C-alpha atoms as a PDB file:
ATOM      1  CA  MET A   1      10.790  18.394   8.375  1.00  0.00           C
ATOM      2  CA  GLY A   2      14.537  18.609   8.839  1.00  0.00           C
ATOM      3  CA  ASP A   3      14.297  16.632  12.102  1.00  0.00           C
ATOM      4  CA  LYS A   4      12.535  13.766  10.295  1.00  0.00           C
ATOM      5  CA  LYS A   5      15.275  13.627   7.673  1.00  0.00           C
ATOM      6  CA  SER A   6      17.899  13.679  10.413  1.00  0.00           C
ATOM      7  CA  ASP A   7      16.183  10.837  12.264  1.00  0.00           C
ATOM      8  CA  LYS A   8      15.949   8.833   9.034  1.00  0.00           C
ATOM      9  CA  ARG A   9      19.659   9.273   8.341  1.00  0.00           C
ATOM     10  CA  ALA A  10      20.467   8.233  11.917  1.00  0.00           C
ATOM     11  CA  LYS A  11      18.452   5.051  11.542  1.00  0.00           C
ATOM     12  CA  GLN A  12      20.059   4.253   8.186  1.00  0.00           C
ATOM     13  CA  SER A  13      23.535   4.717   9.658  1.00  0.00           C
ATOM     14  CA  LYS A  14      22.950   2.145  12.378  1.00  0.00           C
ATOM     15  CA  LEU A  15      24.992  -0.996  12.059  1.00  0.00           C
ATOM     16  CA  SER A  16      23.131  -3.872  10.408  1.00  0.00           C
ATOM     17  CA  LYS A  17      22.804  -7.208  12.169  1.00  0.00           C
ATOM     18  CA  ALA A  18      24.927  -8.953   9.518  1.00  0.00           C
ATOM     19  CA  ASP A  19      27.743  -6.389   9.795  1.00  0.00           C
ATOM     20  CA  TYR A  20      27.529  -6.553  13.566  1.00  0.00           C
ATOM     21  CA  TYR A  21      28.049 -10.311  13.735  1.00  0.00           C
ATOM     22  CA  ASP A  22      30.840 -10.157  11.155  1.00  0.00           C
ATOM     23  CA  ARG A  23      32.692  -7.687  13.371  1.00  0.00           C
ATOM     24  CA  LEU A  24      31.798  -9.373  16.663  1.00  0.00           C
ATOM     25  CA  LEU A  25      33.226 -12.797  15.841  1.00  0.00           C
ATOM     26  CA  PRO A  26      36.927 -11.768  15.680  1.00  0.00           C
ATOM     27  CA  LEU A  27      36.475  -9.812  18.914  1.00  0.00           C
ATOM     28  CA  GLN A  28      35.064 -12.901  20.618  1.00  0.00           C
ATOM     29  CA  VAL A  29      38.084 -14.876  19.413  1.00  0.00           C
ATOM     30  CA  GLU A  30      40.282 -12.234  21.065  1.00  0.00           C
ATOM     31  CA  LEU A  31      38.190 -12.481  24.245  1.00  0.00           C
ATOM     32  CA  ASN A  32      38.900 -16.213  24.351  1.00  0.00           C
ATOM     33  CA  ASN A  33      42.608 -15.454  23.947  1.00  0.00           C
ATOM     34  CA  LEU A  34      42.275 -13.024  26.841  1.00  0.00           C
ATOM     35  CA  ALA A  35      40.581 -15.688  28.965  1.00  0.00           C
ATOM     36  CA  ARG A  36      43.493 -18.083  28.349  1.00  0.00           C
ATOM     37  CA  TRP A  37      45.959 -15.337  29.317  1.00  0.00           C
ATOM     38  CA  LEU A  38      44.083 -14.715  32.565  1.00  0.00           C
ATOM     39  CA  GLN A  39      44.158 -18.408  33.421  1.00  0.00           C
ATOM     40  CA  HIS A  40      47.838 -18.655  32.525  1.00  0.00           C
ATOM     41  CA  THR A  41      48.853 -15.637  34.628  1.00  0.00           C
ATOM     42  CA  GLY A  42      46.278 -15.870  37.424  1.00  0.00           C
ATOM     43  CA  LYS A  43      45.203 -12.286  36.808  1.00  0.00           C
ATOM     44  CA  ARG A  44      41.711 -11.169  37.860  1.00  0.00           C
ATOM     45  CA  LEU A  45      39.440  -9.081  35.630  1.00  0.00           C
ATOM     46  CA  LEU A  46      36.460  -7.075  36.893  1.00  0.00           C
ATOM     47  CA  ILE A  47      34.192  -5.139  34.529  1.00  0.00           C
ATOM     48  CA  LEU A  48      31.540  -2.764  35.872  1.00  0.00           C
ATOM     49  CA  VAL A  49      28.768  -1.996  33.376  1.00  0.00           C
ATOM     50  CA  GLU A  50      26.652   0.974  34.385  1.00  0.00           C
ATOM     51  CA  GLY A  51      24.215   3.271  32.622  1.00  0.00           C
ATOM     52  CA  ARG A  52      20.632   4.403  32.355  1.00  0.00           C
ATOM     53  CA  ASP A  53      17.768   1.940  32.124  1.00  0.00           C
ATOM     54  CA  THR A  54      17.505   0.424  28.599  1.00  0.00           C
ATOM     55  CA  ALA A  55      21.041   1.583  27.703  1.00  0.00           C
ATOM     56  CA  GLY A  56      22.055  -1.981  26.790  1.00  0.00           C
ATOM     57  CA  LYS A  57      23.976  -3.333  29.774  1.00  0.00           C
ATOM     58  CA  GLY A  58      22.671  -6.883  29.449  1.00  0.00           C
ATOM     59  CA  GLY A  59      23.354  -7.019  25.715  1.00  0.00           C
ATOM     60  CA  VAL A  60      27.016  -6.062  25.927  1.00  0.00           C
ATOM     61  CA  ILE A  61      27.564  -8.389  28.894  1.00  0.00           C
ATOM     62  CA  SER A  62      26.097 -11.244  26.838  1.00  0.00           C
ATOM     63  CA  ALA A  63      28.288 -10.332  23.860  1.00  0.00           C
ATOM     64  CA  ILE A  64      31.381 -10.551  26.064  1.00  0.00           C
ATOM     65  CA  SER A  65      30.477 -13.695  27.978  1.00  0.00           C
ATOM     66  CA  GLU A  66      28.484 -15.863  25.577  1.00  0.00           C
ATOM     67  CA  THR A  67      31.491 -17.633  24.038  1.00  0.00           C
ATOM     68  CA  LEU A  68      33.545 -17.856  27.242  1.00  0.00           C
ATOM     69  CA  ASN A  69      33.704 -20.708  29.734  1.00  0.00           C
ATOM     70  CA  PRO A  70      30.932 -20.013  32.299  1.00  0.00           C
ATOM     71  CA  ARG A  71      33.126 -21.581  34.984  1.00  0.00           C
ATOM     72  CA  GLN A  72      35.656 -18.825  34.359  1.00  0.00           C
ATOM     73  CA  CYS A  73      33.415 -15.907  33.412  1.00  0.00           C
ATOM     74  CA  ARG A  74      30.530 -14.897  35.702  1.00  0.00           C
ATOM     75  CA  THR A  75      27.861 -12.214  35.548  1.00  0.00           C
ATOM     76  CA  VAL A  76      26.708 -10.641  38.813  1.00  0.00           C
ATOM     77  CA  ALA A  77      23.350  -8.853  38.864  1.00  0.00           C
ATOM     78  CA  LEU A  78      22.311  -8.400  42.471  1.00  0.00           C
ATOM     79  CA  GLY A  79      18.721  -7.748  43.465  1.00  0.00           C
ATOM     80  CA  LYS A  80      17.275  -5.739  46.303  1.00  0.00           C
ATOM     81  CA  PRO A  81      19.456  -6.073  49.447  1.00  0.00           C
ATOM     82  CA  SER A  82      18.113  -8.240  52.258  1.00  0.00           C
ATOM     83  CA  GLU A  83      17.448  -6.889  55.729  1.00  0.00           C
ATOM     84  CA  ARG A  84      20.750  -8.402  56.882  1.00  0.00           C
ATOM     85  CA  GLU A  85      22.644  -6.859  53.974  1.00  0.00           C
ATOM     86  CA  LEU A  86      21.182  -3.460  54.807  1.00  0.00           C
ATOM     87  CA  GLY A  87      22.935  -3.772  58.165  1.00  0.00           C
ATOM     88  CA  GLN A  88      26.340  -4.569  56.607  1.00  0.00           C
ATOM     89  CA  TRP A  89      29.157  -2.367  55.428  1.00  0.00           C
ATOM     90  CA  TYR A  90      27.832  -1.155  52.079  1.00  0.00           C
ATOM     91  CA  PHE A  91      30.538  -2.802  49.938  1.00  0.00           C
ATOM     92  CA  GLN A  92      30.335  -6.115  51.786  1.00  0.00           C
ATOM     93  CA  ARG A  93      27.817  -7.910  49.590  1.00  0.00           C
ATOM     94  CA  TYR A  94      29.780  -6.959  46.472  1.00  0.00           C
ATOM     95  CA  VAL A  95      33.176  -8.086  47.769  1.00  0.00           C
ATOM     96  CA  GLN A  96      32.136 -11.738  47.944  1.00  0.00           C
ATOM     97  CA  HIS A  97      31.512 -11.704  44.174  1.00  0.00           C
ATOM     98  CA  LEU A  98      34.938 -10.363  43.169  1.00  0.00           C
ATOM     99  CA  PRO A  99      36.945 -12.590  40.801  1.00  0.00           C
ATOM    100  CA  ALA A 100      39.525 -15.091  41.979  1.00  0.00           C
ATOM    101  CA  ALA A 101      42.718 -15.911  40.076  1.00  0.00           C
ATOM    102  CA  GLY A 102      42.084 -16.434  36.360  1.00  0.00           C
ATOM    103  CA  GLU A 103      38.447 -15.309  36.532  1.00  0.00           C
ATOM    104  CA  ILE A 104      36.360 -12.657  34.777  1.00  0.00           C
ATOM    105  CA  VAL A 105      33.423 -11.059  36.583  1.00  0.00           C
ATOM    106  CA  LEU A 106      30.989  -8.644  34.946  1.00  0.00           C
ATOM    107  CA  PHE A 107      28.760  -6.568  37.198  1.00  0.00           C
ATOM    108  CA  ASP A 108      25.398  -5.691  35.649  1.00  0.00           C
ATOM    109  CA  ARG A 109      25.114  -2.650  37.898  1.00  0.00           C
ATOM    110  CA  SER A 110      27.452  -2.565  40.849  1.00  0.00           C
ATOM    111  CA  TRP A 111      28.151  -0.651  44.029  1.00  0.00           C
ATOM    112  CA  TYR A 112      27.427   2.476  41.976  1.00  0.00           C
ATOM    113  CA  ASN A 113      23.729   1.838  42.583  1.00  0.00           C
ATOM    114  CA  ARG A 114      24.201   4.018  45.637  1.00  0.00           C
ATOM    115  CA  ALA A 115      25.212   7.013  43.539  1.00  0.00           C
ATOM    116  CA  GLY A 116      22.466   6.375  40.968  1.00  0.00           C
ATOM    117  CA  VAL A 117      19.077   4.836  41.581  1.00  0.00           C
ATOM    118  CA  GLU A 118      19.408   4.844  45.383  1.00  0.00           C
ATOM    119  CA  SER A 119      20.283   8.519  45.391  1.00  0.00           C
ATOM    120  CA  VAL A 120      17.661   9.669  42.862  1.00  0.00           C
ATOM    121  CA  MET A 121      14.793   7.520  44.135  1.00  0.00           C
ATOM    122  CA  GLY A 122      15.474   8.224  47.804  1.00  0.00           C
ATOM    123  CA  PHE A 123      16.520   4.697  48.830  1.00  0.00           C
ATOM    124  CA  SER A 124      19.626   6.149  50.495  1.00  0.00           C
ATOM    125  CA  THR A 125      20.028   9.252  52.625  1.00  0.00           C
ATOM    126  CA  PRO A 126      22.120  12.190  51.373  1.00  0.00           C
ATOM    127  CA  GLU A 127      24.626  11.359  54.124  1.00  0.00           C
ATOM    128  CA  GLN A 128      24.960   7.774  52.881  1.00  0.00           C
ATOM    129  CA  VAL A 129      25.518   8.963  49.315  1.00  0.00           C
ATOM    130  CA  ASP A 130      28.117  11.501  50.455  1.00  0.00           C
ATOM    131  CA  ALA A 131      29.936   8.805  52.430  1.00  0.00           C
ATOM    132  CA  PHE A 132      29.879   6.459  49.443  1.00  0.00           C
ATOM    133  CA  LEU A 133      31.347   9.015  47.065  1.00  0.00           C
ATOM    134  CA  LYS A 134      34.096   9.705  49.567  1.00  0.00           C
ATOM    135  CA  GLN A 135      34.896   6.029  50.248  1.00  0.00           C
ATOM    136  CA  VAL A 136      34.632   4.438  46.794  1.00  0.00           C
ATOM    137  CA  PRO A 137      37.892   5.867  45.346  1.00  0.00           C
ATOM    138  CA  THR A 138      39.809   4.398  48.297  1.00  0.00           C
ATOM    139  CA  PHE A 139      37.958   1.087  48.009  1.00  0.00           C
ATOM    140  CA  GLU A 140      38.734   0.792  44.290  1.00  0.00           C
ATOM    141  CA  ARG A 141      42.338   1.901  44.773  1.00  0.00           C
ATOM    142  CA  LEU A 142      42.795  -0.997  47.228  1.00  0.00           C
ATOM    143  CA  LEU A 143      41.436  -3.434  44.635  1.00  0.00           C
ATOM    144  CA  VAL A 144      43.721  -2.125  41.891  1.00  0.00           C
ATOM    145  CA  ASP A 145      46.763  -2.034  44.194  1.00  0.00           C
ATOM    146  CA  ASP A 146      46.099  -5.698  44.944  1.00  0.00           C
ATOM    147  CA  GLY A 147      46.438  -6.499  41.238  1.00  0.00           C
ATOM    148  CA  LEU A 148      42.786  -6.510  40.166  1.00  0.00           C
ATOM    149  CA  LEU A 149      42.205  -5.365  36.587  1.00  0.00           C
ATOM    150  CA  LEU A 150      39.244  -2.994  36.934  1.00  0.00           C
ATOM    151  CA  PHE A 151      37.262  -1.444  34.079  1.00  0.00           C
ATOM    152  CA  LYS A 152      34.318   0.922  34.617  1.00  0.00           C
ATOM    153  CA  TYR A 153      31.969   1.609  31.700  1.00  0.00           C
ATOM    154  CA  TRP A 154      29.043   4.018  31.556  1.00  0.00           C
ATOM    155  CA  LEU A 155      26.646   3.434  28.627  1.00  0.00           C
ATOM    156  CA  THR A 156      25.012   6.630  27.365  1.00  0.00           C
ATOM    157  CA  VAL A 157      21.572   6.839  25.716  1.00  0.00           C
ATOM    158  CA  ASP A 158      19.386   9.800  24.731  1.00  0.00           C
ATOM    159  CA  GLN A 159      15.993  10.196  26.388  1.00  0.00           C
ATOM    160  CA  ALA A 160      14.027   9.764  23.138  1.00  0.00           C
ATOM    161  CA  LEU A 161      15.685   6.410  22.468  1.00  0.00           C
ATOM    162  CA  GLN A 162      15.230   5.398  26.088  1.00  0.00           C
ATOM    163  CA  GLU A 163      11.498   6.016  25.713  1.00  0.00           C
ATOM    164  CA  GLU A 164      11.388   3.921  22.534  1.00  0.00           C
ATOM    165  CA  ARG A 165      13.062   1.029  24.328  1.00  0.00           C
ATOM    166  CA  PHE A 166      10.753   1.313  27.337  1.00  0.00           C
ATOM    167  CA  ALA A 167       7.763   1.159  24.983  1.00  0.00           C
ATOM    168  CA  GLU A 168       9.233  -1.882  23.234  1.00  0.00           C
ATOM    169  CA  ARG A 169       9.646  -3.661  26.561  1.00  0.00           C
ATOM    170  CA  ALA A 170       6.047  -2.897  27.490  1.00  0.00           C
ATOM    171  CA  ILE A 171       4.653  -4.736  24.438  1.00  0.00           C
ATOM    172  CA  ASP A 172       7.261  -7.493  23.979  1.00  0.00           C
ATOM    173  CA  PRO A 173       6.401 -10.533  26.149  1.00  0.00           C
ATOM    174  CA  LEU A 174      10.059 -11.631  26.049  1.00  0.00           C
ATOM    175  CA  LYS A 175      11.285  -8.280  27.383  1.00  0.00           C
ATOM    176  CA  ARG A 176       8.474  -7.318  29.735  1.00  0.00           C
ATOM    177  CA  TRP A 177      10.340  -8.733  32.731  1.00  0.00           C
ATOM    178  CA  LYS A 178      12.915  -5.976  32.230  1.00  0.00           C
ATOM    179  CA  LEU A 179      10.315  -3.298  32.964  1.00  0.00           C
ATOM    180  CA  SER A 180       9.864  -2.719  36.698  1.00  0.00           C
ATOM    181  CA  PRO A 181       7.766  -0.178  38.622  1.00  0.00           C
ATOM    182  CA  ILE A 182      11.008   1.626  39.479  1.00  0.00           C
ATOM    183  CA  ASP A 183      11.849   1.863  35.757  1.00  0.00           C
ATOM    184  CA  LEU A 184       8.471   3.445  35.025  1.00  0.00           C
ATOM    185  CA  GLU A 185       8.888   5.946  37.839  1.00  0.00           C
ATOM    186  CA  SER A 186      12.467   6.746  36.822  1.00  0.00           C
ATOM    187  CA  ARG A 187      11.268   8.021  33.421  1.00  0.00           C
ATOM    188  CA  GLU A 188      10.244  11.262  35.126  1.00  0.00           C
ATOM    189  CA  HIS A 189      13.728  11.699  36.598  1.00  0.00           C
ATOM    190  CA  TYR A 190      15.901  11.758  33.475  1.00  0.00           C
ATOM    191  CA  GLU A 191      17.559  15.052  34.405  1.00  0.00           C
ATOM    192  CA  ASP A 192      17.929  14.001  38.057  1.00  0.00           C
ATOM    193  CA  TYR A 193      19.781  10.875  36.944  1.00  0.00           C
ATOM    194  CA  GLY A 194      21.983  13.034  34.738  1.00  0.00           C
ATOM    195  CA  ARG A 195      22.948  15.253  37.654  1.00  0.00           C
ATOM    196  CA  ALA A 196      23.600  12.214  39.877  1.00  0.00           C
ATOM    197  CA  ARG A 197      25.753  10.672  37.133  1.00  0.00           C
ATOM    198  CA  ASP A 198      27.799  13.839  36.691  1.00  0.00           C
ATOM    199  CA  ARG A 199      28.405  14.090  40.418  1.00  0.00           C
ATOM    200  CA  MET A 200      29.421  10.422  40.551  1.00  0.00           C
ATOM    201  CA  LEU A 201      31.820  10.747  37.615  1.00  0.00           C
ATOM    202  CA  GLU A 202      33.449  13.827  39.096  1.00  0.00           C
ATOM    203  CA  ALA A 203      33.989  12.110  42.459  1.00  0.00           C
ATOM    204  CA  THR A 204      35.101   8.676  41.221  1.00  0.00           C
ATOM    205  CA  HIS A 205      36.973   9.210  37.941  1.00  0.00           C
ATOM    206  CA  SER A 206      40.700   8.985  38.548  1.00  0.00           C
ATOM    207  CA  LYS A 207      43.951   7.969  36.912  1.00  0.00           C
ATOM    208  CA  HIS A 208      43.931   4.657  38.771  1.00  0.00           C
ATOM    209  CA  THR A 209      40.255   3.783  38.245  1.00  0.00           C
ATOM    210  CA  PRO A 210      38.981   5.834  35.298  1.00  0.00           C
ATOM    211  CA  TRP A 211      35.500   5.777  33.803  1.00  0.00           C
ATOM    212  CA  THR A 212      34.963   5.168  30.087  1.00  0.00           C
ATOM    213  CA  LEU A 213      31.771   6.507  28.486  1.00  0.00           C
ATOM    214  CA  VAL A 214      30.409   4.607  25.478  1.00  0.00           C
ATOM    215  CA  ASP A 215      27.646   5.821  23.148  1.00  0.00           C
ATOM    216  CA  PHE A 216      24.897   3.184  23.158  1.00  0.00           C
ATOM    217  CA  ASN A 217      22.303   4.970  21.043  1.00  0.00           C
ATOM    218  CA  ASP A 218      23.278   2.322  18.496  1.00  0.00           C
ATOM    219  CA  GLN A 219      23.605  -0.706  20.755  1.00  0.00           C
ATOM    220  CA  ARG A 220      25.366  -2.945  18.236  1.00  0.00           C
ATOM    221  CA  ARG A 221      28.017  -0.338  17.517  1.00  0.00           C
ATOM    222  CA  GLY A 222      28.275   0.386  21.223  1.00  0.00           C
ATOM    223  CA  ARG A 223      28.971  -3.262  22.081  1.00  0.00           C
ATOM    224  CA  LEU A 224      31.752  -3.452  19.504  1.00  0.00           C
ATOM    225  CA  THR A 225      33.264  -0.181  20.736  1.00  0.00           C
ATOM    226  CA  LEU A 226      33.268  -1.278  24.359  1.00  0.00           C
ATOM    227  CA  ILE A 227      34.782  -4.704  23.643  1.00  0.00           C
ATOM    228  CA  ARG A 228      37.455  -3.162  21.392  1.00  0.00           C
ATOM    229  CA  HIS A 229      38.350  -0.677  24.143  1.00  0.00           C
ATOM    230  CA  LEU A 230      38.586  -3.448  26.729  1.00  0.00           C
ATOM    231  CA  LEU A 231      40.861  -5.573  24.551  1.00  0.00           C
ATOM    232  CA  ASP A 232      43.037  -2.605  23.581  1.00  0.00           C
ATOM    233  CA  HIS A 233      43.682  -1.798  27.248  1.00  0.00           C
ATOM    234  CA  LEU A 234      44.815  -5.252  28.282  1.00  0.00           C
ATOM    235  CA  PRO A 235      48.138  -6.923  27.424  1.00  0.00           C
ATOM    236  CA  ASP A 236      48.215  -8.346  23.912  1.00  0.00           C
ATOM    237  CA  VAL A 237      49.822 -11.629  24.943  1.00  0.00           C
ATOM    238  CA  SER A 238      48.910 -14.763  23.050  1.00  0.00           C
ATOM    239  CA  VAL A 239      48.788 -17.997  25.018  1.00  0.00           C
ATOM    240  CA  PRO A 240      48.465 -20.889  22.549  1.00  0.00           C
ATOM    241  CA  PRO A 241      45.562 -23.228  23.304  1.00  0.00           C
ATOM    242  CA  LYS A 242      46.434 -26.706  24.498  1.00  0.00           C
ATOM    243  CA  GLU A 243      46.652 -29.273  21.753  1.00  0.00           C
ATOM    244  CA  ILE A 244      43.787 -31.752  21.908  1.00  0.00           C
ATOM    245  CA  GLU A 245      44.214 -35.176  20.405  1.00  0.00           C
ATOM    246  CA  PHE A 246      40.985 -36.447  18.904  1.00  0.00           C
ATOM    247  CA  PRO A 247      41.583 -40.073  17.948  1.00  0.00           C
ATOM    248  CA  PRO A 248      38.989 -42.097  16.038  1.00  0.00           C
ATOM    249  CA  LEU A 249      36.758 -44.515  17.925  1.00  0.00           C
ATOM    250  CA  THR A 250      38.279 -47.950  18.287  1.00  0.00           C
ATOM    251  CA  ARG A 251      34.844 -49.525  18.034  1.00  0.00           C
ATOM    252  CA  LYS A 252      32.048 -48.998  15.562  1.00  0.00           C
ATOM    253  CA  ALA A 253      29.778 -46.088  16.483  1.00  0.00           C
ATOM    254  CA  LYS A 254      26.360 -47.147  17.687  1.00  0.00           C
ATOM    255  CA  LYS A 255      23.002 -45.432  17.774  1.00  0.00           C
ATOM    256  CA  GLU A 256      21.862 -44.618  21.314  1.00  0.00           C
ATOM    257  CA  HIS A 257      19.675 -47.417  22.634  1.00  0.00           C
ATOM    258  CA  PHE A 258      17.195 -47.249  25.483  1.00  0.00           C
ATOM    259  CA  GLY A 259      16.676 -50.662  27.031  1.00  0.00           C
ATOM    260  CA  TRP A 260      13.932 -49.382  29.287  1.00  0.00           C
ATOM    261  CA  LYS A 261      10.393 -48.414  28.229  1.00  0.00           C
ATOM    262  CA  LEU A 262      10.963 -44.624  28.530  1.00  0.00           C
ATOM    263  CA  LYS A 263      11.610 -43.059  25.108  1.00  0.00           C
ATOM    264  CA  PRO A 264      12.603 -39.573  23.944  1.00  0.00           C
ATOM    265  CA  ILE A 265       9.699 -37.271  23.179  1.00  0.00           C
ATOM    266  CA  ASP A 266       8.772 -36.593  19.555  1.00  0.00           C
ATOM    267  CA  PRO A 267      10.552 -33.672  17.830  1.00  0.00           C
ATOM    268  CA  ALA A 268       8.640 -30.394  17.966  1.00  0.00           C
ATOM    269  CA  VAL A 269       9.259 -29.700  14.272  1.00  0.00           C
END
């Protein structure tokens, strides 16, 4: 009985959609200020978003990127490596997606696949995982020493909530694509993923490239927390937007006219 009351209180304490959007808007304004600063200085920003399946990686990436210029801000979500990529240096296929001057790149899962799903599901050998955990701190230190601004976020979610979200994906036709055979199999490896995560954090958390854990049991609150942390750990330098002159038309505005026989289709509603 007490557990039910506790669950009810937890649900009631979740951030409402209206409150979420009220708090998100000023953060997105700050993100646009950040984007102008990056362009002005030529700095490069890389954000790695990692976590368990259903944690909310795609949602927070969308919240960050949706109001930014897509020519400046890119999301990278790589699929299964090709046969050629399997024969490359492990980091090679990720390096080509790193940001150039003034750019923001968000990795929806990154090279840390090797320490997570590849390790737990047996897609990599123990020797390959050991080598990765040994090499990745040096690899990331080289990136940071070269001036790259690197942020690594791990989104946490409890198993009960993960199961709820898996079930939602199974019945929602708009989310079903998110549910893969690997996701279904991974449900039986919750503790294995936890052990792999702990080992990864211990080996790759450092002063130069630290991990930040964010509670995503409430995804809306989690998105706001992550974005606030990101903004608070970057220079607060305002670069005024360029003034845009918007003069009135010198000629009378005209309705669009199609001289040819092809016409726009009828409105759906």
